[in-house]
Amino acid sequence: MSVTIESSSNREFDFALWRTARVFGLMYPVLLVATYYGTWVLGWLTLGHPPRASLDDPSDTLGGVYWASGVVVMLMPIALVASIVTIALRFLSSAVPKSTAILHAVIDVAVWTVVIFHLRSDPIGVVNWWID
């Protein structure tokens, strides 16, 4: 009886861990875009005009906010690797059905792909301003 209860609590823990990893994998790309654009909007509010690359330095304009947003940006490679690891672990785990693992993998890859293409295309120059 106690083995079944332990197994049940471990299974609940596994599902909670999967949910947490899934939320992290989906929310980090959104947080990354929000960091770039939020910093840019704050720069616009501070300057009174849209920030311009090479003219309005975000570190001079925003100070600590720019450096705090830099932490989020610097964590991108770690978050990308974490997402890849959670995708792989879903396929290796017997607790997650393969159809669910495939669906989650497709969604994760789609979200990351859209975010990376959007930031690389930089339609209004936000990333260029932030990095410059």
Protein backbone atom coordinates (compact mmCIF):
# COMPACT_ATOMS: atom_id res chain seq x y z
CA MET A 1 0.00 0.00 0.00
CA SER A 2 2.74 2.48 0.89
CA VAL A 3 4.55 1.70 -2.35
CA THR A 4 1.45 2.70 -4.31
CA ILE A 5 1.11 5.93 -2.33
CA GLU A 6 4.78 6.76 -2.87
CA SER A 7 4.45 6.00 -6.53
CA SER A 8 1.35 8.19 -6.73
CA SER A 9 3.05 11.12 -5.00
CA ASN A 10 6.12 10.70 -7.21
CA ARG A 11 3.88 10.71 -10.27
CA GLU A 12 2.21 13.91 -9.06
CA PHE A 13 5.67 15.43 -8.51
CA ASP A 14 6.72 14.35 -12.01
CA PHE A 15 3.65 15.99 -13.55
CA ALA A 16 4.28 19.19 -11.54
CA LEU A 17 7.89 19.17 -12.71
CA TRP A 18 6.79 18.67 -16.34
CA ARG A 19 4.27 21.50 -16.07
CA THR A 20 6.90 23.82 -14.60
CA ALA A 21 9.42 22.94 -17.32
CA ARG A 22 6.74 23.38 -19.98
CA VAL A 23 5.72 26.80 -18.68
CA PHE A 24 9.36 27.87 -18.51
CA GLY A 25 9.99 26.64 -22.04
CA LEU A 26 7.06 28.63 -23.39
CA MET A 27 7.29 31.73 -21.23
CA TYR A 28 10.99 32.50 -21.59
CA PRO A 29 10.79 33.42 -25.29
CA VAL A 30 7.85 35.69 -24.50
CA LEU A 31 9.83 37.22 -21.62
CA LEU A 32 12.77 37.76 -23.96
CA VAL A 33 10.68 39.72 -26.47
CA ALA A 34 8.97 41.63 -23.64
CA THR A 35 12.40 42.55 -22.24
CA TYR A 36 13.63 44.02 -25.52
CA TYR A 37 10.43 45.89 -26.32
CA GLY A 38 9.74 46.91 -22.71
CA THR A 39 13.20 48.43 -22.44
CA TRP A 40 12.65 50.22 -25.75
CA VAL A 41 9.25 51.60 -24.65
CA LEU A 42 10.76 52.75 -21.35
CA GLY A 43 13.54 54.45 -23.33
CA TRP A 44 10.90 56.17 -25.48
CA LEU A 45 9.07 57.39 -22.37
CA THR A 46 12.33 58.62 -20.85
CA LEU A 47 13.62 60.35 -23.99
CA GLY A 48 10.31 61.65 -25.34
CA HIS A 49 10.98 60.13 -28.77
CA PRO A 50 11.60 56.60 -30.09
CA PRO A 51 15.14 55.54 -29.19
CA ARG A 52 17.56 55.53 -32.11
CA ALA A 53 20.49 53.17 -32.54
CA SER A 54 23.93 54.79 -32.16
CA LEU A 55 22.36 58.04 -30.88
CA ASP A 56 20.43 57.07 -27.75
CA ASP A 57 22.53 54.67 -25.69
CA PRO A 58 20.27 52.49 -23.53
CA SER A 59 22.85 52.18 -20.76
CA ASP A 60 23.04 55.98 -20.44
CA THR A 61 19.29 56.49 -20.82
CA LEU A 62 18.01 53.72 -18.57
CA GLY A 63 20.94 52.78 -16.34
CA GLY A 64 19.98 49.91 -14.03
CA VAL A 65 16.95 48.90 -16.08
CA TYR A 66 19.19 48.25 -19.08
CA TRP A 67 21.58 46.12 -17.01
CA ALA A 68 18.70 44.18 -15.41
CA SER A 69 17.24 43.44 -18.84
CA GLY A 70 20.70 42.31 -19.89
CA VAL A 71 20.45 39.42 -17.42
CA VAL A 72 17.34 38.15 -19.22
CA VAL A 73 19.04 38.47 -22.60
CA MET A 74 22.20 36.73 -21.40
CA LEU A 75 20.15 33.79 -20.12
CA MET A 76 18.78 33.08 -23.61
CA PRO A 77 21.33 30.37 -24.50
CA ILE A 78 20.71 28.63 -21.17
CA ALA A 79 16.94 28.82 -21.64
CA LEU A 80 17.22 27.47 -25.19
CA VAL A 81 19.30 24.52 -23.98
CA ALA A 82 16.83 23.96 -21.11
CA SER A 83 13.96 23.87 -23.60
CA ILE A 84 15.79 21.34 -25.76
CA VAL A 85 16.53 19.19 -22.70
CA THR A 86 12.89 19.26 -21.57
CA ILE A 87 11.78 18.26 -25.08
CA ALA A 88 14.21 15.32 -24.99
CA LEU A 89 13.17 14.32 -21.46
CA ARG A 90 9.51 14.28 -22.49
CA PHE A 91 10.35 11.72 -25.16
CA LEU A 92 12.43 9.65 -22.76
CA SER A 93 9.89 9.69 -19.93
CA SER A 94 7.29 6.99 -19.61
CA ALA A 95 5.05 9.45 -17.71
CA VAL A 96 4.38 11.53 -20.84
CA PRO A 97 2.49 9.95 -23.75
CA LYS A 98 4.42 10.15 -27.03
CA SER A 99 1.60 12.04 -28.78
CA THR A 100 1.71 14.68 -26.02
CA ALA A 101 5.50 14.86 -26.22
CA ILE A 102 5.30 15.41 -29.98
CA LEU A 103 2.64 18.11 -29.61
CA HIS A 104 4.63 19.92 -26.92
CA ALA A 105 7.82 19.66 -28.96
CA VAL A 106 6.13 21.16 -32.03
CA ILE A 107 4.67 24.02 -29.97
CA ASP A 108 8.01 24.72 -28.23
CA VAL A 109 9.95 24.70 -31.49
CA ALA A 110 7.33 26.92 -33.16
CA VAL A 111 7.39 29.50 -30.34
CA TRP A 112 11.20 29.63 -30.27
CA THR A 113 11.38 29.82 -34.07
CA VAL A 114 8.91 32.71 -34.27
CA VAL A 115 10.72 34.62 -31.51
CA ILE A 116 14.18 34.09 -33.00
CA PHE A 117 13.06 35.07 -36.52
CA HIS A 118 11.25 38.12 -35.16
CA LEU A 119 14.25 39.30 -33.14
CA ARG A 120 16.64 38.63 -36.02
CA SER A 121 14.47 40.53 -38.51
CA ASP A 122 14.16 43.40 -35.99
CA PRO A 123 11.33 45.21 -37.83
CA ILE A 124 11.60 48.54 -35.97
CA GLY A 125 15.22 48.39 -34.84
CA VAL A 126 14.65 47.53 -31.18
CA VAL A 127 17.32 44.83 -30.93
CA ASN A 128 19.76 46.96 -32.92
CA TRP A 129 19.20 49.84 -30.48
CA TRP A 130 19.50 47.58 -27.44
CA ILE A 131 22.74 45.91 -28.59
CA ASP A 132 24.36 48.96 -30.17
